[in-house]
């Protein structure tokens, strides 16, 4: 990799300067594609974007991997359509597949976090052979231990009003500050760290957020179908989780995942001093685990 191609992320604008765009069904998605080695796809969740992985991207590139990190539709720098149905998990999964097809990548190591799990389960149900290895980071996999901070009725007006105000600068900042504080364990964020999260709210990311928090029945359906798929999933899987995750309780989720996916104990990694946004607190440790996992026989 040339010096001019080196990934830098001092500001959200600097991070975004490395992103390209692809037109897909529903709008444009922004994505990072850097490096020339074995491909690793980094899938974010909510209310995040590829910015979530900024501390890991540079390290993975230095280790010789090709890194792909998209902003899914409705998040980050990607289009944010008005129609809530555009944010359905199966549509997000297809967009990921369209991106990888556009990049001529047939198979990859798949890293997923949070709501990205729902998109990833849909992707695996559509194209299981595309994923060579699976890395699960604090991801929605079961209803047990799933503690979303809010739930809304899609037809109700109150939720739309509340989330609709997230694009107001002061409110958006407050929401993100609270989310990051409750989603980490005594972690200190810089002003720019937080700006990288609340800027997309001002740009309309609140619609994708409302879609998820008002789609619990859809989530239940995806998980039921995913559990059937798990039984036939025959690929290496590793779990990385923060013990202080208040949204996805590892004590409940991990044993179920480990049994369903036949994950060996040595491929289950938990951190006693990390929470939900583990990429912020343990980026180097996660990269080390992923790199070791990718070289396992």
Foldseek 3Di string as FASTA:
>chain_A
DDPVLQQDPPFLVSNQVQWDWDADVPFIKIKHWDFDAAEEEEEEAPPAFLLLQSVQVNVVRVVRYIYMGIGFELHAPTDNDPDLVCLQLLNSLVVVVVVCVVVVQQAHAYEYAAASVLNVLSNCVVRVVRYQEYEYEHYDQDPVQAADPAADAPPDDVLCVLLVCCLPVVNVLVVQVVCVVQQWFPDDDDPRSSCSSSVSSVVRSSSSVNSVRNPVVSVVVSNVVSLVVLQVRDHAYAYEYECSANRGHCVTPVVVSCVSNVHDPVRYHYDPRTGRSVCRVPSVVVSVSVVVSVPDD
